[in-house]
Amino acid sequence: MVGNHALHAAIALAVGMALFALRIVGGGDAKFYAAIAAWFPLRSAGALFMVVGGCGFVLLIIWFVARRLAGKPISKTRNDPFDGLPYGIAIASGAVIMNLVANS
């Protein structure tokens, strides 16, 4: 049982670090997703990925509207780390939803 969860976390970390090396995701988000993956068995990997992705889509829409209402451009225009999409919110939300579904 524990090995299955550890394998899920290891695979998620390896994929996340590869995506970080390609500058597709941030390193913190990759590590956070891998830590969240350790909560769930490997058979739940696809569902976790889809739920986090769905939460990310909802977050993107909210972020897009908030930036428009604030008069800011949609794309990141400077190297300010606080100017990007806070994807950790989507990862955490996806984990909570998956945990609620798994325990219901």
PDB file of N, CA and C in Angstrom:
ATOM      1  N   MET A   1       0.827  -1.195   0.000  1.00  0.00           N
ATOM      2  CA  MET A   1       0.000   0.000   0.000  1.00  0.00           C
ATOM      3  C   MET A   1       0.867   1.253   0.000  1.00  0.00           C
ATOM      4  N   VAL A   2       1.790   1.357   0.956  1.00  0.00           N
ATOM      5  CA  VAL A   2       2.644   2.543   1.051  1.00  0.00           C
ATOM      6  C   VAL A   2       3.530   2.640  -0.178  1.00  0.00           C
ATOM      7  N   GLY A   3       4.014   1.512  -0.664  1.00  0.00           N
ATOM      8  CA  GLY A   3       4.862   1.511  -1.856  1.00  0.00           C
ATOM      9  C   GLY A   3       4.142   2.051  -3.074  1.00  0.00           C
ATOM     10  N   ASN A   4       2.856   1.764  -3.170  1.00  0.00           N
ATOM     11  CA  ASN A   4       2.041   2.251  -4.273  1.00  0.00           C
ATOM     12  C   ASN A   4       1.935   3.778  -4.241  1.00  0.00           C
ATOM     13  N   HIS A   5       1.759   4.329  -3.063  1.00  0.00           N
ATOM     14  CA  HIS A   5       1.680   5.780  -2.897  1.00  0.00           C
ATOM     15  C   HIS A   5       3.044   6.423  -3.181  1.00  0.00           C
ATOM     16  N   ALA A   6       4.102   5.779  -2.700  1.00  0.00           N
ATOM     17  CA  ALA A   6       5.454   6.298  -2.927  1.00  0.00           C
ATOM     18  C   ALA A   6       5.806   6.268  -4.409  1.00  0.00           C
ATOM     19  N   LEU A   7       5.379   5.232  -5.099  1.00  0.00           N
ATOM     20  CA  LEU A   7       5.621   5.146  -6.544  1.00  0.00           C
ATOM     21  C   LEU A   7       4.890   6.266  -7.272  1.00  0.00           C
ATOM     22  N   HIS A   8       3.664   6.549  -6.873  1.00  0.00           N
ATOM     23  CA  HIS A   8       2.906   7.651  -7.469  1.00  0.00           C
ATOM     24  C   HIS A   8       3.642   8.971  -7.257  1.00  0.00           C
ATOM     25  N   ALA A   9       4.125   9.201  -6.047  1.00  0.00           N
ATOM     26  CA  ALA A   9       4.855  10.437  -5.753  1.00  0.00           C
ATOM     27  C   ALA A   9       6.153  10.518  -6.551  1.00  0.00           C
ATOM     28  N   ALA A  10       6.875   9.410  -6.663  1.00  0.00           N
ATOM     29  CA  ALA A  10       8.143   9.407  -7.404  1.00  0.00           C
ATOM     30  C   ALA A  10       7.924   9.688  -8.888  1.00  0.00           C
ATOM     31  N   ILE A  11       6.899   9.081  -9.466  1.00  0.00           N
ATOM     32  CA  ILE A  11       6.599   9.328 -10.878  1.00  0.00           C
ATOM     33  C   ILE A  11       6.177  10.777 -11.075  1.00  0.00           C
ATOM     34  N   ALA A  12       5.325  11.280 -10.186  1.00  0.00           N
ATOM     35  CA  ALA A  12       4.881  12.677 -10.290  1.00  0.00           C
ATOM     36  C   ALA A  12       6.060  13.633 -10.165  1.00  0.00           C
ATOM     37  N   LEU A  13       7.002  13.344  -9.267  1.00  0.00           N
ATOM     38  CA  LEU A  13       8.173  14.201  -9.104  1.00  0.00           C
ATOM     39  C   LEU A  13       9.070  14.155 -10.340  1.00  0.00           C
ATOM     40  N   ALA A  14       9.284  12.965 -10.891  1.00  0.00           N
ATOM     41  CA  ALA A  14      10.123  12.843 -12.083  1.00  0.00           C
ATOM     42  C   ALA A  14       9.513  13.600 -13.267  1.00  0.00           C
ATOM     43  N   VAL A  15       8.212  13.436 -13.471  1.00  0.00           N
ATOM     44  CA  VAL A  15       7.541  14.156 -14.564  1.00  0.00           C
ATOM     45  C   VAL A  15       7.555  15.663 -14.297  1.00  0.00           C
ATOM     46  N   GLY A  16       7.277  16.053 -13.061  1.00  0.00           N
ATOM     47  CA  GLY A  16       7.278  17.466 -12.702  1.00  0.00           C
ATOM     48  C   GLY A  16       8.637  18.122 -12.891  1.00  0.00           C
ATOM     49  N   MET A  17       9.701  17.425 -12.509  1.00  0.00           N
ATOM     50  CA  MET A  17      11.047  17.992 -12.673  1.00  0.00           C
ATOM     51  C   MET A  17      11.429  18.075 -14.153  1.00  0.00           C
ATOM     52  N   ALA A  18      10.963  17.127 -14.952  1.00  0.00           N
ATOM     53  CA  ALA A  18      11.208  17.213 -16.397  1.00  0.00           C
ATOM     54  C   ALA A  18      10.481  18.423 -16.984  1.00  0.00           C
ATOM     55  N   LEU A  19       9.249  18.639 -16.560  1.00  0.00           N
ATOM     56  CA  LEU A  19       8.502  19.812 -17.033  1.00  0.00           C
ATOM     57  C   LEU A  19       9.120  21.109 -16.528  1.00  0.00           C
ATOM     58  N   PHE A  20       9.687  21.087 -15.328  1.00  0.00           N
ATOM     59  CA  PHE A  20      10.380  22.256 -14.799  1.00  0.00           C
ATOM     60  C   PHE A  20      11.637  22.540 -15.618  1.00  0.00           C
ATOM     61  N   ALA A  21      12.371  21.503 -15.975  1.00  0.00           N
ATOM     62  CA  ALA A  21      13.577  21.679 -16.790  1.00  0.00           C
ATOM     63  C   ALA A  21      13.244  22.285 -18.154  1.00  0.00           C
ATOM     64  N   LEU A  22      12.064  21.984 -18.656  1.00  0.00           N
ATOM     65  CA  LEU A  22      11.610  22.544 -19.937  1.00  0.00           C
ATOM     66  C   LEU A  22      10.937  23.903 -19.757  1.00  0.00           C
ATOM     67  N   ARG A  23      10.893  24.391 -18.518  1.00  0.00           N
ATOM     68  CA  ARG A  23      10.285  25.674 -18.165  1.00  0.00           C
ATOM     69  C   ARG A  23       8.783  25.734 -18.468  1.00  0.00           C
ATOM     70  N   ILE A  24       8.119  24.593 -18.297  1.00  0.00           N
ATOM     71  CA  ILE A  24       6.674  24.521 -18.510  1.00  0.00           C
ATOM     72  C   ILE A  24       5.929  24.786 -17.204  1.00  0.00           C
ATOM     73  N   VAL A  25       6.458  24.276 -16.103  1.00  0.00           N
ATOM     74  CA  VAL A  25       5.867  24.511 -14.777  1.00  0.00           C
ATOM     75  C   VAL A  25       6.954  25.005 -13.837  1.00  0.00           C
ATOM     76  N   GLY A  26       6.542  25.594 -12.734  1.00  0.00           N
ATOM     77  CA  GLY A  26       7.491  26.035 -11.720  1.00  0.00           C
ATOM     78  C   GLY A  26       7.958  24.873 -10.865  1.00  0.00           C
ATOM     79  N   GLY A  27       9.134  25.011 -10.297  1.00  0.00           N
ATOM     80  CA  GLY A  27       9.687  23.956  -9.461  1.00  0.00           C
ATOM     81  C   GLY A  27       8.870  23.708  -8.201  1.00  0.00           C
ATOM     82  N   GLY A  28       8.359  24.768  -7.613  1.00  0.00           N
ATOM     83  CA  GLY A  28       7.530  24.618  -6.414  1.00  0.00           C
ATOM     84  C   GLY A  28       6.246  23.879  -6.711  1.00  0.00           C
ATOM     85  N   ASP A  29       5.625  24.197  -7.843  1.00  0.00           N
ATOM     86  CA  ASP A  29       4.393  23.507  -8.226  1.00  0.00           C
ATOM     87  C   ASP A  29       4.664  22.030  -8.499  1.00  0.00           C
ATOM     88  N   ALA A  30       5.795  21.722  -9.135  1.00  0.00           N
ATOM     89  CA  ALA A  30       6.145  20.328  -9.421  1.00  0.00           C
ATOM     90  C   ALA A  30       6.333  19.537  -8.128  1.00  0.00           C
ATOM     91  N   LYS A  31       7.037  20.128  -7.168  1.00  0.00           N
ATOM     92  CA  LYS A  31       7.256  19.441  -5.888  1.00  0.00           C
ATOM     93  C   LYS A  31       5.957  19.337  -5.087  1.00  0.00           C
ATOM     94  N   PHE A  32       5.155  20.368  -5.129  1.00  0.00           N
ATOM     95  CA  PHE A  32       3.886  20.346  -4.400  1.00  0.00           C
ATOM     96  C   PHE A  32       2.961  19.266  -4.963  1.00  0.00           C
ATOM     97  N   TYR A  33       2.880  19.154  -6.293  1.00  0.00           N
ATOM     98  CA  TYR A  33       2.047  18.128  -6.906  1.00  0.00           C
ATOM     99  C   TYR A  33       2.546  16.736  -6.514  1.00  0.00           C
ATOM    100  N   ALA A  34       3.866  16.553  -6.490  1.00  0.00           N
ATOM    101  CA  ALA A  34       4.420  15.250  -6.105  1.00  0.00           C
ATOM    102  C   ALA A  34       4.075  14.925  -4.652  1.00  0.00           C
ATOM    103  N   ALA A  35       4.120  15.920  -3.782  1.00  0.00           N
ATOM    104  CA  ALA A  35       3.760  15.700  -2.380  1.00  0.00           C
ATOM    105  C   ALA A  35       2.285  15.333  -2.251  1.00  0.00           C
ATOM    106  N   ILE A  36       1.447  15.994  -3.021  1.00  0.00           N
ATOM    107  CA  ILE A  36       0.015  15.683  -3.020  1.00  0.00           C
ATOM    108  C   ILE A  36      -0.215  14.279  -3.582  1.00  0.00           C
ATOM    109  N   ALA A  37       0.543  13.914  -4.599  1.00  0.00           N
ATOM    110  CA  ALA A  37       0.388  12.590  -5.214  1.00  0.00           C
ATOM    111  C   ALA A  37       0.644  11.475  -4.204  1.00  0.00           C
ATOM    112  N   ALA A  38       1.485  11.731  -3.218  1.00  0.00           N
ATOM    113  CA  ALA A  38       1.774  10.709  -2.206  1.00  0.00           C
ATOM    114  C   ALA A  38       0.543  10.347  -1.373  1.00  0.00           C
ATOM    115  N   TRP A  39      -0.450  11.202  -1.360  1.00  0.00           N
ATOM    116  CA  TRP A  39      -1.687  10.919  -0.621  1.00  0.00           C
ATOM    117  C   TRP A  39      -2.541   9.850  -1.308  1.00  0.00           C
ATOM    118  N   PHE A  40      -2.342   9.664  -2.602  1.00  0.00           N
ATOM    119  CA  PHE A  40      -3.242   8.833  -3.398  1.00  0.00           C
ATOM    120  C   PHE A  40      -2.480   7.675  -4.039  1.00  0.00           C
ATOM    121  N   PRO A  41      -3.140   6.531  -4.194  1.00  0.00           N
ATOM    122  CA  PRO A  41      -2.476   5.398  -4.846  1.00  0.00           C
ATOM    123  C   PRO A  41      -2.262   5.671  -6.337  1.00  0.00           C
ATOM    124  N   LEU A  42      -1.381   4.906  -6.918  1.00  0.00           N
ATOM    125  CA  LEU A  42      -1.032   5.096  -8.326  1.00  0.00           C
ATOM    126  C   LEU A  42      -2.248   4.956  -9.240  1.00  0.00           C
ATOM    127  N   ARG A  43      -3.200   4.110  -8.881  1.00  0.00           N
ATOM    128  CA  ARG A  43      -4.392   3.929  -9.724  1.00  0.00           C
ATOM    129  C   ARG A  43      -5.241   5.211  -9.805  1.00  0.00           C
ATOM    130  N   SER A  44      -5.037   6.144  -8.877  1.00  0.00           N
ATOM    131  CA  SER A  44      -5.773   7.409  -8.884  1.00  0.00           C
ATOM    132  C   SER A  44      -5.027   8.530  -9.608  1.00  0.00           C
ATOM    133  N   ALA A  45      -3.899   8.216 -10.223  1.00  0.00           N
ATOM    134  CA  ALA A  45      -3.062   9.250 -10.853  1.00  0.00           C
ATOM    135  C   ALA A  45      -3.816  10.014 -11.939  1.00  0.00           C
ATOM    136  N   GLY A  46      -4.513   9.299 -12.811  1.00  0.00           N
ATOM    137  CA  GLY A  46      -5.255   9.959 -13.889  1.00  0.00           C
ATOM    138  C   GLY A  46      -6.362  10.849 -13.365  1.00  0.00           C
ATOM    139  N   ALA A  47      -7.093  10.350 -12.380  1.00  0.00           N
ATOM    140  CA  ALA A  47      -8.182  11.137 -11.808  1.00  0.00           C
ATOM    141  C   ALA A  47      -7.639  12.384 -11.110  1.00  0.00           C
ATOM    142  N   LEU A  48      -6.544  12.235 -10.353  1.00  0.00           N
ATOM    143  CA  LEU A  48      -5.947  13.386  -9.676  1.00  0.00           C
ATOM    144  C   LEU A  48      -5.499  14.423 -10.691  1.00  0.00           C
ATOM    145  N   PHE A  49      -4.846  13.969 -11.737  1.00  0.00           N
ATOM    146  CA  PHE A  49      -4.377  14.886 -12.786  1.00  0.00           C
ATOM    147  C   PHE A  49      -5.543  15.636 -13.420  1.00  0.00           C
ATOM    148  N   MET A  50      -6.633  14.936 -13.689  1.00  0.00           N
ATOM    149  CA  MET A  50      -7.798  15.580 -14.319  1.00  0.00           C
ATOM    150  C   MET A  50      -8.488  16.555 -13.368  1.00  0.00           C
ATOM    151  N   VAL A  51      -8.625  16.195 -12.108  1.00  0.00           N
ATOM    152  CA  VAL A  51      -9.278  17.084 -11.149  1.00  0.00           C
ATOM    153  C   VAL A  51      -8.434  18.336 -10.924  1.00  0.00           C
ATOM    154  N   VAL A  52      -7.122  18.168 -10.779  1.00  0.00           N
ATOM    155  CA  VAL A  52      -6.242  19.329 -10.626  1.00  0.00           C
ATOM    156  C   VAL A  52      -6.289  20.194 -11.883  1.00  0.00           C
ATOM    157  N   GLY A  53      -6.309  19.569 -13.042  1.00  0.00           N
ATOM    158  CA  GLY A  53      -6.418  20.321 -14.289  1.00  0.00           C
ATOM    159  C   GLY A  53      -7.722  21.099 -14.380  1.00  0.00           C
ATOM    160  N   GLY A  54      -8.818  20.484 -13.958  1.00  0.00           N
ATOM    161  CA  GLY A  54     -10.103  21.186 -13.945  1.00  0.00           C
ATOM    162  C   GLY A  54     -10.098  22.362 -12.987  1.00  0.00           C
ATOM    163  N   CYS A  55      -9.504  22.157 -11.818  1.00  0.00           N
ATOM    164  CA  CYS A  55      -9.380  23.263 -10.854  1.00  0.00           C
ATOM    165  C   CYS A  55      -8.489  24.361 -11.432  1.00  0.00           C
ATOM    166  N   GLY A  56      -7.458  23.963 -12.166  1.00  0.00           N
ATOM    167  CA  GLY A  56      -6.586  24.938 -12.810  1.00  0.00           C
ATOM    168  C   GLY A  56      -7.316  25.759 -13.853  1.00  0.00           C
ATOM    169  N   PHE A  57      -8.229  25.118 -14.573  1.00  0.00           N
ATOM    170  CA  PHE A  57      -9.023  25.837 -15.579  1.00  0.00           C
ATOM    171  C   PHE A  57      -9.932  26.866 -14.914  1.00  0.00           C
ATOM    172  N   VAL A  58     -10.595  26.465 -13.839  1.00  0.00           N
ATOM    173  CA  VAL A  58     -11.453  27.398 -13.100  1.00  0.00           C
ATOM    174  C   VAL A  58     -10.620  28.549 -12.535  1.00  0.00           C
ATOM    175  N   LEU A  59      -9.452  28.218 -11.973  1.00  0.00           N
ATOM    176  CA  LEU A  59      -8.553  29.249 -11.450  1.00  0.00           C
ATOM    177  C   LEU A  59      -8.115  30.203 -12.550  1.00  0.00           C
ATOM    178  N   LEU A  60      -7.814  29.677 -13.730  1.00  0.00           N
ATOM    179  CA  LEU A  60      -7.395  30.515 -14.850  1.00  0.00           C
ATOM    180  C   LEU A  60      -8.484  31.508 -15.246  1.00  0.00           C
ATOM    181  N   ILE A  61      -9.719  31.055 -15.279  1.00  0.00           N
ATOM    182  CA  ILE A  61     -10.826  31.951 -15.623  1.00  0.00           C
ATOM    183  C   ILE A  61     -10.964  33.053 -14.575  1.00  0.00           C
ATOM    184  N   ILE A  62     -10.905  32.678 -13.299  1.00  0.00           N
ATOM    185  CA  ILE A  62     -11.004  33.671 -12.224  1.00  0.00           C
ATOM    186  C   ILE A  62      -9.844  34.658 -12.306  1.00  0.00           C
ATOM    187  N   TRP A  63      -8.641  34.156 -12.526  1.00  0.00           N
ATOM    188  CA  TRP A  63      -7.440  34.990 -12.618  1.00  0.00           C
ATOM    189  C   TRP A  63      -7.544  35.942 -13.808  1.00  0.00           C
ATOM    190  N   PHE A  64      -8.013  35.418 -14.924  1.00  0.00           N
ATOM    191  CA  PHE A  64      -8.189  36.213 -16.139  1.00  0.00           C
ATOM    192  C   PHE A  64      -9.153  37.371 -15.891  1.00  0.00           C
ATOM    193  N   VAL A  65     -10.304  37.074 -15.309  1.00  0.00           N
ATOM    194  CA  VAL A  65     -11.309  38.111 -15.032  1.00  0.00           C
ATOM    195  C   VAL A  65     -10.774  39.124 -14.018  1.00  0.00           C
ATOM    196  N   ALA A  66     -10.105  38.648 -12.969  1.00  0.00           N
ATOM    197  CA  ALA A  66      -9.571  39.550 -11.947  1.00  0.00           C
ATOM    198  C   ALA A  66      -8.535  40.500 -12.532  1.00  0.00           C
ATOM    199  N   ARG A  67      -7.673  39.988 -13.405  1.00  0.00           N
ATOM    200  CA  ARG A  67      -6.667  40.861 -14.032  1.00  0.00           C
ATOM    201  C   ARG A  67      -7.318  41.872 -14.962  1.00  0.00           C
ATOM    202  N   ARG A  68      -8.332  41.463 -15.668  1.00  0.00           N
ATOM    203  CA  ARG A  68      -9.050  42.394 -16.554  1.00  0.00           C
ATOM    204  C   ARG A  68      -9.733  43.493 -15.749  1.00  0.00           C
ATOM    205  N   LEU A  69     -10.383  43.114 -14.656  1.00  0.00           N
ATOM    206  CA  LEU A  69     -11.063  44.098 -13.819  1.00  0.00           C
ATOM    207  C   LEU A  69     -10.070  45.061 -13.168  1.00  0.00           C
ATOM    208  N   ALA A  70      -8.852  44.587 -12.898  1.00  0.00           N
ATOM    209  CA  ALA A  70      -7.824  45.435 -12.292  1.00  0.00           C
ATOM    210  C   ALA A  70      -7.077  46.268 -13.333  1.00  0.00           C
ATOM    211  N   GLY A  71      -7.384  46.062 -14.606  1.00  0.00           N
ATOM    212  CA  GLY A  71      -6.730  46.813 -15.663  1.00  0.00           C
ATOM    213  C   GLY A  71      -5.321  46.333 -15.975  1.00  0.00           C
ATOM    214  N   LYS A  72      -4.981  45.126 -15.558  1.00  0.00           N
ATOM    215  CA  LYS A  72      -3.655  44.565 -15.832  1.00  0.00           C
ATOM    216  C   LYS A  72      -3.710  43.737 -17.102  1.00  0.00           C
ATOM    217  N   PRO A  73      -2.579  43.631 -17.806  1.00  0.00           N
ATOM    218  CA  PRO A  73      -2.556  42.773 -18.999  1.00  0.00           C
ATOM    219  C   PRO A  73      -2.687  41.302 -18.595  1.00  0.00           C
ATOM    220  N   ILE A  74      -3.179  40.509 -19.504  1.00  0.00           N
ATOM    221  CA  ILE A  74      -3.384  39.087 -19.226  1.00  0.00           C
ATOM    222  C   ILE A  74      -2.057  38.357 -19.119  1.00  0.00           C
ATOM    223  N   SER A  75      -1.137  38.662 -20.005  1.00  0.00           N
ATOM    224  CA  SER A  75       0.152  37.976 -19.975  1.00  0.00           C
ATOM    225  C   SER A  75       1.078  38.616 -18.955  1.00  0.00           C
ATOM    226  N   LYS A  76       1.993  37.823 -18.480  1.00  0.00           N
ATOM    227  CA  LYS A  76       2.982  38.296 -17.515  1.00  0.00           C
ATOM    228  C   LYS A  76       3.926  39.253 -18.249  1.00  0.00           C
ATOM    229  N   THR A  77       4.071  40.457 -17.747  1.00  0.00           N
ATOM    230  CA  THR A  77       4.862  41.455 -18.467  1.00  0.00           C
ATOM    231  C   THR A  77       6.212  41.735 -17.828  1.00  0.00           C
ATOM    232  N   ARG A  78       6.407  41.313 -16.598  1.00  0.00           N
ATOM    233  CA  ARG A  78       7.688  41.556 -15.939  1.00  0.00           C
ATOM    234  C   ARG A  78       8.114  40.296 -15.198  1.00  0.00           C
ATOM    235  N   ASN A  79       9.283  40.336 -14.652  1.00  0.00           N
ATOM    236  CA  ASN A  79       9.826  39.160 -13.966  1.00  0.00           C
ATOM    237  C   ASN A  79       9.417  39.093 -12.504  1.00  0.00           C
ATOM    238  N   ASP A  80       8.293  39.642 -12.175  1.00  0.00           N
ATOM    239  CA  ASP A  80       7.780  39.605 -10.809  1.00  0.00           C
ATOM    240  C   ASP A  80       7.195  38.215 -10.538  1.00  0.00           C
ATOM    241  N   PRO A  81       7.707  37.487  -9.546  1.00  0.00           N
ATOM    242  CA  PRO A  81       7.190  36.146  -9.291  1.00  0.00           C
ATOM    243  C   PRO A  81       5.734  36.140  -8.824  1.00  0.00           C
ATOM    244  N   PHE A  82       5.228  37.264  -8.365  1.00  0.00           N
ATOM    245  CA  PHE A  82       3.847  37.340  -7.902  1.00  0.00           C
ATOM    246  C   PHE A  82       2.889  37.768  -9.007  1.00  0.00           C
ATOM    247  N   ASP A  83       3.390  37.852 -10.231  1.00  0.00           N
ATOM    248  CA  ASP A  83       2.567  38.290 -11.348  1.00  0.00           C
ATOM    249  C   ASP A  83       1.961  37.111 -12.112  1.00  0.00           C
ATOM    250  N   GLY A  84       2.384  35.897 -11.811  1.00  0.00           N
ATOM    251  CA  GLY A  84       1.915  34.727 -12.536  1.00  0.00           C
ATOM    252  C   GLY A  84       0.699  34.077 -11.898  1.00  0.00           C
ATOM    253  N   LEU A  85       0.203  33.067 -12.563  1.00  0.00           N
ATOM    254  CA  LEU A  85      -0.949  32.306 -12.088  1.00  0.00           C
ATOM    255  C   LEU A  85      -0.543  31.465 -10.878  1.00  0.00           C
ATOM    256  N   PRO A  86      -1.199  31.621  -9.743  1.00  0.00           N
ATOM    257  CA  PRO A  86      -0.834  30.853  -8.544  1.00  0.00           C
ATOM    258  C   PRO A  86      -1.392  29.434  -8.604  1.00  0.00           C
ATOM    259  N   TYR A  87      -0.712  28.535  -9.339  1.00  0.00           N
ATOM    260  CA  TYR A  87      -1.253  27.215  -9.621  1.00  0.00           C
ATOM    261  C   TYR A  87      -1.307  26.309  -8.393  1.00  0.00           C
ATOM    262  N   GLY A  88      -0.578  26.663  -7.344  1.00  0.00           N
ATOM    263  CA  GLY A  88      -0.650  25.877  -6.116  1.00  0.00           C
ATOM    264  C   GLY A  88      -2.061  25.819  -5.553  1.00  0.00           C
ATOM    265  N   ILE A  89      -2.842  26.859  -5.811  1.00  0.00           N
ATOM    266  CA  ILE A  89      -4.239  26.876  -5.373  1.00  0.00           C
ATOM    267  C   ILE A  89      -5.017  25.763  -6.076  1.00  0.00           C
ATOM    268  N   ALA A  90      -4.761  25.577  -7.364  1.00  0.00           N
ATOM    269  CA  ALA A  90      -5.442  24.522  -8.121  1.00  0.00           C
ATOM    270  C   ALA A  90      -5.007  23.137  -7.643  1.00  0.00           C
ATOM    271  N   ILE A  91      -3.716  22.983  -7.345  1.00  0.00           N
ATOM    272  CA  ILE A  91      -3.219  21.693  -6.867  1.00  0.00           C
ATOM    273  C   ILE A  91      -3.857  21.349  -5.519  1.00  0.00           C
ATOM    274  N   ALA A  92      -3.888  22.305  -4.616  1.00  0.00           N
ATOM    275  CA  ALA A  92      -4.489  22.068  -3.301  1.00  0.00           C
ATOM    276  C   ALA A  92      -5.986  21.797  -3.418  1.00  0.00           C
ATOM    277  N   SER A  93      -6.680  22.565  -4.239  1.00  0.00           N
ATOM    278  CA  SER A  93      -8.124  22.365  -4.424  1.00  0.00           C
ATOM    279  C   SER A  93      -8.414  20.992  -5.009  1.00  0.00           C
ATOM    280  N   GLY A  94      -7.624  20.584  -5.979  1.00  0.00           N
ATOM    281  CA  GLY A  94      -7.798  19.264  -6.577  1.00  0.00           C
ATOM    282  C   GLY A  94      -7.588  18.151  -5.564  1.00  0.00           C
ATOM    283  N   ALA A  95      -6.602  18.322  -4.693  1.00  0.00           N
ATOM    284  CA  ALA A  95      -6.346  17.313  -3.658  1.00  0.00           C
ATOM    285  C   ALA A  95      -7.504  17.222  -2.677  1.00  0.00           C
ATOM    286  N   VAL A  96      -8.046  18.358  -2.297  1.00  0.00           N
ATOM    287  CA  VAL A  96      -9.182  18.355  -1.368  1.00  0.00           C
ATOM    288  C   VAL A  96     -10.389  17.680  -2.016  1.00  0.00           C
ATOM    289  N   ILE A  97     -10.669  18.007  -3.263  1.00  0.00           N
ATOM    290  CA  ILE A  97     -11.808  17.393  -3.965  1.00  0.00           C
ATOM    291  C   ILE A  97     -11.614  15.889  -4.093  1.00  0.00           C
ATOM    292  N   MET A  98     -10.406  15.458  -4.477  1.00  0.00           N
ATOM    293  CA  MET A  98     -10.143  14.025  -4.604  1.00  0.00           C
ATOM    294  C   MET A  98     -10.303  13.318  -3.261  1.00  0.00           C
ATOM    295  N   ASN A  99      -9.855  13.955  -2.189  1.00  0.00           N
ATOM    296  CA  ASN A  99      -9.979  13.353  -0.863  1.00  0.00           C
ATOM    297  C   ASN A  99     -11.451  13.258  -0.447  1.00  0.00           C
ATOM    298  N   LEU A 100     -12.218  14.281  -0.742  1.00  0.00           N
ATOM    299  CA  LEU A 100     -13.644  14.234  -0.419  1.00  0.00           C
ATOM    300  C   LEU A 100     -14.363  13.138  -1.206  1.00  0.00           C
ATOM    301  N   VAL A 101     -14.010  12.985  -2.471  1.00  0.00           N
ATOM    302  CA  VAL A 101     -14.636  11.966  -3.315  1.00  0.00           C
ATOM    303  C   VAL A 101     -14.215  10.570  -2.845  1.00  0.00           C
ATOM    304  N   ALA A 102     -12.948  10.422  -2.502  1.00  0.00           N
ATOM    305  CA  ALA A 102     -12.450   9.112  -2.078  1.00  0.00           C
ATOM    306  C   ALA A 102     -13.043   8.672  -0.736  1.00  0.00           C
ATOM    307  N   ASN A 103     -13.370   9.620   0.108  1.00  0.00           N
ATOM    308  CA  ASN A 103     -13.890   9.291   1.445  1.00  0.00           C
ATOM    309  C   ASN A 103     -15.404   9.384   1.546  1.00  0.00           C
ATOM    310  N   SER A 104     -16.081   9.554   0.428  1.00  0.00           N
ATOM    311  CA  SER A 104     -17.541   9.630   0.504  1.00  0.00           C
ATOM    312  C   SER A 104     -18.194   8.320   0.146  1.00  0.00           C
TER     313      SER A 104
END
